[in-house]
All heavy atoms as atom14 arrays in JSON, in Angstrom:
{
  "sequence": "KVVGRASGDLHVQICEIVCRHDNEFSAETRL",
  "atom14_mask": [
    [1, 1, 1, 1, 1, 1, 1, 1, 1, 0, 0, 0, 0, 0],
    [1, 1, 1, 1, 1, 1, 1, 0, 0, 0, 0, 0, 0, 0],
    [1, 1, 1, 1, 1, 1, 1, 0, 0, 0, 0, 0, 0, 0],
    [1, 1, 1, 1, 0, 0, 0, 0, 0, 0, 0, 0, 0, 0],
    [1, 1, 1, 1, 1, 1, 1, 1, 1, 1, 1, 0, 0, 0],
    [1, 1, 1, 1, 1, 0, 0, 0, 0, 0, 0, 0, 0, 0],
    [1, 1, 1, 1, 1, 1, 0, 0, 0, 0, 0, 0, 0, 0],
    [1, 1, 1, 1, 0, 0, 0, 0, 0, 0, 0, 0, 0, 0],
    [1, 1, 1, 1, 1, 1, 1, 1, 0, 0, 0, 0, 0, 0],
    [1, 1, 1, 1, 1, 1, 1, 1, 0, 0, 0, 0, 0, 0],
    [1, 1, 1, 1, 1, 1, 1, 1, 1, 1, 0, 0, 0, 0],
    [1, 1, 1, 1, 1, 1, 1, 0, 0, 0, 0, 0, 0, 0],
    [1, 1, 1, 1, 1, 1, 1, 1, 1, 0, 0, 0, 0, 0],
    [1, 1, 1, 1, 1, 1, 1, 1, 0, 0, 0, 0, 0, 0],
    [1, 1, 1, 1, 1, 1, 0, 0, 0, 0, 0, 0, 0, 0],
    [1, 1, 1, 1, 1, 1, 1, 1, 1, 0, 0, 0, 0, 0],
    [1, 1, 1, 1, 1, 1, 1, 1, 0, 0, 0, 0, 0, 0],
    [1, 1, 1, 1, 1, 1, 1, 0, 0, 0, 0, 0, 0, 0],
    [1, 1, 1, 1, 1, 1, 0, 0, 0, 0, 0, 0, 0, 0],
    [1, 1, 1, 1, 1, 1, 1, 1, 1, 1, 1, 0, 0, 0],
    [1, 1, 1, 1, 1, 1, 1, 1, 1, 1, 0, 0, 0, 0],
    [1, 1, 1, 1, 1, 1, 1, 1, 0, 0, 0, 0, 0, 0],
    [1, 1, 1, 1, 1, 1, 1, 1, 0, 0, 0, 0, 0, 0],
    [1, 1, 1, 1, 1, 1, 1, 1, 1, 0, 0, 0, 0, 0],
    [1, 1, 1, 1, 1, 1, 1, 1, 1, 1, 1, 0, 0, 0],
    [1, 1, 1, 1, 1, 1, 0, 0, 0, 0, 0, 0, 0, 0],
    [1, 1, 1, 1, 1, 0, 0, 0, 0, 0, 0, 0, 0, 0],
    [1, 1, 1, 1, 1, 1, 1, 1, 1, 0, 0, 0, 0, 0],
    [1, 1, 1, 1, 1, 1, 1, 0, 0, 0, 0, 0, 0, 0],
    [1, 1, 1, 1, 1, 1, 1, 1, 1, 1, 1, 0, 0, 0],
    [1, 1, 1, 1, 1, 1, 1, 1, 0, 0, 0, 0, 0, 0]
  ],
  "atom14_positions": [
    [[-26.88, 17.46, 96.31], [-25.56, 17.1, 95.77], [-25.76, 16.59, 94.34], [-26.6, 15.73, 94.1], [-24.93, 16.01, 96.62], [-23.63, 15.46, 96.09], [-22.47, 16.36, 96.33], [-21.96, 16.17, 97.73], [-20.74, 16.87, 98.01], [0.0, 0.0, 0.0], [0.0, 0.0, 0.0], [0.0, 0.0, 0.0], [0.0, 0.0, 0.0], [0.0, 0.0, 0.0]],
    [[-24.99, 17.14, 93.42], [-25.07, 16.78, 92.01], [-23.69, 16.35, 91.54], [-22.7, 17.01, 91.85], [-25.55, 17.98, 91.16], [-25.63, 17.62, 89.69], [-26.87, 18.52, 91.66], [0.0, 0.0, 0.0], [0.0, 0.0, 0.0], [0.0, 0.0, 0.0], [0.0, 0.0, 0.0], [0.0, 0.0, 0.0], [0.0, 0.0, 0.0], [0.0, 0.0, 0.0]],
    [[-23.62, 15.25, 90.79], [-22.35, 14.78, 90.24], [-22.49, 14.61, 88.74], [-23.49, 14.09, 88.25], [-21.92, 13.44, 90.88], [-20.68, 12.87, 90.2], [-21.65, 13.62, 92.37], [0.0, 0.0, 0.0], [0.0, 0.0, 0.0], [0.0, 0.0, 0.0], [0.0, 0.0, 0.0], [0.0, 0.0, 0.0], [0.0, 0.0, 0.0], [0.0, 0.0, 0.0]],
    [[-21.47, 15.07, 88.03], [-21.44, 14.93, 86.57], [-20.01, 14.93, 86.08], [-19.07, 15.12, 86.84], [0.0, 0.0, 0.0], [0.0, 0.0, 0.0], [0.0, 0.0, 0.0], [0.0, 0.0, 0.0], [0.0, 0.0, 0.0], [0.0, 0.0, 0.0], [0.0, 0.0, 0.0], [0.0, 0.0, 0.0], [0.0, 0.0, 0.0], [0.0, 0.0, 0.0]],
    [[-19.85, 14.69, 84.78], [-18.52, 14.75, 84.19], [-18.03, 16.2, 84.23], [-18.8, 17.12, 83.99], [-18.56, 14.24, 82.77], [-18.93, 12.77, 82.68], [-18.44, 12.14, 81.41], [-18.88, 10.81, 81.1], [-18.92, 9.76, 81.89], [-18.58, 9.89, 83.14], [-19.3, 8.57, 81.48], [0.0, 0.0, 0.0], [0.0, 0.0, 0.0], [0.0, 0.0, 0.0]],
    [[-16.76, 16.37, 84.53], [-16.18, 17.72, 84.65], [-16.32, 18.47, 83.32], [-15.91, 17.98, 82.27], [-14.72, 17.63, 85.06], [0.0, 0.0, 0.0], [0.0, 0.0, 0.0], [0.0, 0.0, 0.0], [0.0, 0.0, 0.0], [0.0, 0.0, 0.0], [0.0, 0.0, 0.0], [0.0, 0.0, 0.0], [0.0, 0.0, 0.0], [0.0, 0.0, 0.0]],
    [[-16.93, 19.62, 83.4], [-17.16, 20.45, 82.22], [-17.62, 21.81, 82.7], [-18.31, 21.92, 83.71], [-18.23, 19.77, 81.36], [-19.04, 20.69, 80.7], [0.0, 0.0, 0.0], [0.0, 0.0, 0.0], [0.0, 0.0, 0.0], [0.0, 0.0, 0.0], [0.0, 0.0, 0.0], [0.0, 0.0, 0.0], [0.0, 0.0, 0.0], [0.0, 0.0, 0.0]],
    [[-17.24, 22.85, 81.98], [-17.71, 24.18, 82.32], [-19.21, 24.31, 82.17], [-19.86, 25.08, 82.87], [0.0, 0.0, 0.0], [0.0, 0.0, 0.0], [0.0, 0.0, 0.0], [0.0, 0.0, 0.0], [0.0, 0.0, 0.0], [0.0, 0.0, 0.0], [0.0, 0.0, 0.0], [0.0, 0.0, 0.0], [0.0, 0.0, 0.0], [0.0, 0.0, 0.0]],
    [[-19.78, 23.52, 81.27], [-21.22, 23.56, 81.04], [-22.01, 22.99, 82.22], [-23.14, 23.39, 82.45], [-21.59, 22.76, 79.78], [-21.13, 23.46, 78.51], [-20.86, 24.67, 78.56], [-21.05, 22.78, 77.47], [0.0, 0.0, 0.0], [0.0, 0.0, 0.0], [0.0, 0.0, 0.0], [0.0, 0.0, 0.0], [0.0, 0.0, 0.0], [0.0, 0.0, 0.0]],
    [[-21.44, 22.04, 82.97], [-22.15, 21.44, 84.1], [-22.53, 22.52, 85.11], [-23.69, 22.63, 85.5], [-21.3, 20.35, 84.76], [-21.92, 19.71, 86.0], [-23.18, 18.92, 85.62], [-20.92, 18.8, 86.71], [0.0, 0.0, 0.0], [0.0, 0.0, 0.0], [0.0, 0.0, 0.0], [0.0, 0.0, 0.0], [0.0, 0.0, 0.0], [0.0, 0.0, 0.0]],
    [[-21.57, 23.31, 85.5], [-21.78, 24.39, 86.47], [-22.87, 25.34, 85.98], [-23.8, 25.69, 86.72], [-20.46, 25.12, 86.68], [-20.51, 26.24, 87.65], [-20.81, 27.52, 87.27], [-20.29, 26.27, 88.99], [-20.77, 28.31, 88.34], [-20.47, 27.57, 89.39], [0.0, 0.0, 0.0], [0.0, 0.0, 0.0], [0.0, 0.0, 0.0], [0.0, 0.0, 0.0]],
    [[-22.8, 25.74, 84.73], [-23.75, 26.68, 84.16], [-25.16, 26.08, 84.11], [-26.13, 26.72, 84.52], [-23.31, 27.12, 82.73], [-24.38, 27.93, 82.04], [-22.0, 27.9, 82.81], [0.0, 0.0, 0.0], [0.0, 0.0, 0.0], [0.0, 0.0, 0.0], [0.0, 0.0, 0.0], [0.0, 0.0, 0.0], [0.0, 0.0, 0.0], [0.0, 0.0, 0.0]],
    [[-25.28, 24.84, 83.63], [-26.6, 24.23, 83.52], [-27.24, 23.98, 84.88], [-28.45, 24.17, 85.04], [-26.52, 22.93, 82.71], [-26.37, 23.21, 81.24], [-26.67, 21.98, 80.39], [-27.12, 20.95, 80.88], [-26.42, 22.11, 79.11], [0.0, 0.0, 0.0], [0.0, 0.0, 0.0], [0.0, 0.0, 0.0], [0.0, 0.0, 0.0], [0.0, 0.0, 0.0]],
    [[-26.44, 23.57, 85.86], [-26.99, 23.34, 87.2], [-27.52, 24.66, 87.77], [-28.61, 24.71, 88.34], [-25.95, 22.71, 88.14], [-25.5, 21.34, 87.62], [-26.48, 22.61, 89.56], [-26.61, 20.38, 87.3], [0.0, 0.0, 0.0], [0.0, 0.0, 0.0], [0.0, 0.0, 0.0], [0.0, 0.0, 0.0], [0.0, 0.0, 0.0], [0.0, 0.0, 0.0]],
    [[-26.76, 25.72, 87.61], [-27.22, 27.03, 88.09], [-28.5, 27.47, 87.39], [-29.41, 28.0, 88.03], [-26.12, 28.08, 87.9], [-24.76, 27.9, 89.07], [0.0, 0.0, 0.0], [0.0, 0.0, 0.0], [0.0, 0.0, 0.0], [0.0, 0.0, 0.0], [0.0, 0.0, 0.0], [0.0, 0.0, 0.0], [0.0, 0.0, 0.0], [0.0, 0.0, 0.0]],
    [[-28.6, 27.23, 86.08], [-29.81, 27.6, 85.35], [-31.02, 26.81, 85.86], [-32.1, 27.38, 86.04], [-29.63, 27.35, 83.85], [-28.72, 28.35, 83.18], [-28.44, 28.01, 81.72], [-28.95, 26.97, 81.22], [-27.7, 28.78, 81.08], [0.0, 0.0, 0.0], [0.0, 0.0, 0.0], [0.0, 0.0, 0.0], [0.0, 0.0, 0.0], [0.0, 0.0, 0.0]],
    [[-30.82, 25.51, 86.1], [-31.92, 24.67, 86.6], [-32.38, 25.15, 87.97], [-33.57, 25.33, 88.22], [-31.49, 23.19, 86.66], [-31.35, 22.64, 85.25], [-32.48, 22.37, 87.49], [-30.68, 21.28, 85.18], [0.0, 0.0, 0.0], [0.0, 0.0, 0.0], [0.0, 0.0, 0.0], [0.0, 0.0, 0.0], [0.0, 0.0, 0.0], [0.0, 0.0, 0.0]],
    [[-31.44, 25.39, 88.86], [-31.78, 25.8, 90.22], [-32.44, 27.18, 90.22], [-33.43, 27.39, 90.93], [-30.54, 25.77, 91.13], [-30.84, 26.36, 92.49], [-30.04, 24.32, 91.28], [0.0, 0.0, 0.0], [0.0, 0.0, 0.0], [0.0, 0.0, 0.0], [0.0, 0.0, 0.0], [0.0, 0.0, 0.0], [0.0, 0.0, 0.0], [0.0, 0.0, 0.0]],
    [[-31.96, 28.08, 89.4], [-32.54, 29.44, 89.34], [-33.98, 29.42, 88.86], [-34.77, 30.28, 89.25], [-31.7, 30.34, 88.44], [-30.17, 30.88, 89.23], [0.0, 0.0, 0.0], [0.0, 0.0, 0.0], [0.0, 0.0, 0.0], [0.0, 0.0, 0.0], [0.0, 0.0, 0.0], [0.0, 0.0, 0.0], [0.0, 0.0, 0.0], [0.0, 0.0, 0.0]],
    [[-34.35, 28.44, 88.03], [-35.74, 28.32, 87.58], [-36.69, 28.07, 88.75], [-37.85, 28.43, 88.7], [-35.89, 27.17, 86.59], [-35.6, 27.55, 85.18], [-35.94, 26.4, 84.25], [-34.67, 25.87, 83.77], [-34.44, 24.63, 83.43], [-35.39, 23.73, 83.53], [-33.26, 24.27, 83.0], [0.0, 0.0, 0.0], [0.0, 0.0, 0.0], [0.0, 0.0, 0.0]],
    [[-36.17, 27.42, 89.79], [-37.01, 27.01, 90.91], [-36.79, 27.84, 92.18], [-37.59, 27.77, 93.1], [-36.77, 25.53, 91.22], [-37.08, 24.65, 90.05], [-38.37, 24.3, 89.71], [-36.27, 24.07, 89.13], [-38.33, 23.52, 88.64], [-37.08, 23.38, 88.27], [0.0, 0.0, 0.0], [0.0, 0.0, 0.0], [0.0, 0.0, 0.0], [0.0, 0.0, 0.0]],
    [[-35.67, 28.54, 92.24], [-35.34, 29.35, 93.42], [-34.76, 30.67, 92.94], [-33.58, 30.77, 92.64], [-34.32, 28.6, 94.3], [-33.89, 29.39, 95.52], [-34.41, 30.5, 95.76], [-32.99, 28.91, 96.25], [0.0, 0.0, 0.0], [0.0, 0.0, 0.0], [0.0, 0.0, 0.0], [0.0, 0.0, 0.0], [0.0, 0.0, 0.0], [0.0, 0.0, 0.0]],
    [[-35.62, 31.69, 92.83], [-35.16, 32.98, 92.31], [-34.25, 33.73, 93.27], [-33.71, 34.76, 92.91], [-36.33, 33.84, 91.81], [-37.51, 33.83, 92.73], [-37.55, 33.06, 93.68], [-38.48, 34.66, 92.43], [0.0, 0.0, 0.0], [0.0, 0.0, 0.0], [0.0, 0.0, 0.0], [0.0, 0.0, 0.0], [0.0, 0.0, 0.0], [0.0, 0.0, 0.0]],
    [[-34.06, 33.22, 94.48], [-33.12, 33.83, 95.41], [-31.75, 33.17, 95.35], [-30.82, 33.58, 96.04], [-33.65, 33.73, 96.85], [-34.91, 34.53, 97.09], [-35.4, 34.37, 98.52], [-34.64, 33.9, 99.38], [-36.56, 34.74, 98.77], [0.0, 0.0, 0.0], [0.0, 0.0, 0.0], [0.0, 0.0, 0.0], [0.0, 0.0, 0.0], [0.0, 0.0, 0.0]],
    [[-31.6, 32.14, 94.51], [-30.35, 31.38, 94.44], [-29.2, 32.25, 93.94], [-29.34, 32.98, 92.96], [-30.5, 30.17, 93.53], [-29.24, 29.35, 93.41], [-28.86, 28.5, 94.42], [-28.44, 29.45, 92.28], [-27.7, 27.75, 94.33], [-27.29, 28.71, 92.17], [-26.91, 27.85, 93.2], [0.0, 0.0, 0.0], [0.0, 0.0, 0.0], [0.0, 0.0, 0.0]],
    [[-28.07, 32.16, 94.63], [-26.86, 32.87, 94.23], [-25.71, 31.88, 94.24], [-25.38, 31.31, 95.28], [-26.58, 34.01, 95.21], [-25.26, 34.5, 95.02], [0.0, 0.0, 0.0], [0.0, 0.0, 0.0], [0.0, 0.0, 0.0], [0.0, 0.0, 0.0], [0.0, 0.0, 0.0], [0.0, 0.0, 0.0], [0.0, 0.0, 0.0], [0.0, 0.0, 0.0]],
    [[-25.09, 31.67, 93.09], [-23.98, 30.71, 92.98], [-22.81, 31.12, 93.88], [-22.09, 30.26, 94.38], [-23.52, 30.6, 91.54], [0.0, 0.0, 0.0], [0.0, 0.0, 0.0], [0.0, 0.0, 0.0], [0.0, 0.0, 0.0], [0.0, 0.0, 0.0], [0.0, 0.0, 0.0], [0.0, 0.0, 0.0], [0.0, 0.0, 0.0], [0.0, 0.0, 0.0]],
    [[-22.63, 32.4, 94.1], [-21.5, 32.87, 94.92], [-21.61, 32.42, 96.37], [-20.61, 32.15, 97.02], [-21.39, 34.41, 94.86], [-20.95, 34.94, 93.53], [-22.11, 35.04, 92.54], [-23.28, 35.17, 92.95], [-21.82, 34.97, 91.33], [0.0, 0.0, 0.0], [0.0, 0.0, 0.0], [0.0, 0.0, 0.0], [0.0, 0.0, 0.0], [0.0, 0.0, 0.0]],
    [[-22.83, 32.34, 96.88], [-23.01, 32.01, 98.29], [-23.66, 30.65, 98.54], [-23.59, 30.13, 99.65], [-23.87, 33.08, 98.99], [-25.14, 33.16, 98.35], [-23.18, 34.43, 98.96], [0.0, 0.0, 0.0], [0.0, 0.0, 0.0], [0.0, 0.0, 0.0], [0.0, 0.0, 0.0], [0.0, 0.0, 0.0], [0.0, 0.0, 0.0], [0.0, 0.0, 0.0]],
    [[-24.3, 30.06, 97.53], [-25.07, 28.84, 97.76], [-24.64, 27.66, 96.89], [-25.39, 26.71, 96.71], [-26.55, 29.13, 97.54], [-27.01, 30.31, 98.43], [-28.42, 30.29, 98.64], [-28.68, 29.26, 99.63], [-29.59, 29.33, 100.57], [-30.34, 30.38, 100.66], [-29.78, 28.36, 101.41], [0.0, 0.0, 0.0], [0.0, 0.0, 0.0], [0.0, 0.0, 0.0]],
    [[-23.42, 27.73, 96.35], [-22.92, 26.65, 95.51], [-21.49, 26.31, 95.91], [-20.66, 27.21, 96.07], [-22.94, 27.08, 94.04], [-22.31, 26.1, 93.06], [-23.29, 24.98, 92.72], [-21.88, 26.8, 91.79], [0.0, 0.0, 0.0], [0.0, 0.0, 0.0], [0.0, 0.0, 0.0], [0.0, 0.0, 0.0], [0.0, 0.0, 0.0], [0.0, 0.0, 0.0]]
  ]
}
């Protein structure tokens, strides 16, 4: 669970961080 100030960048940066560590991560099904 991640909490931050509402911003379009938050979603993008979290996905980038997670993808660095889990190459099977898909925002459509796992976010």
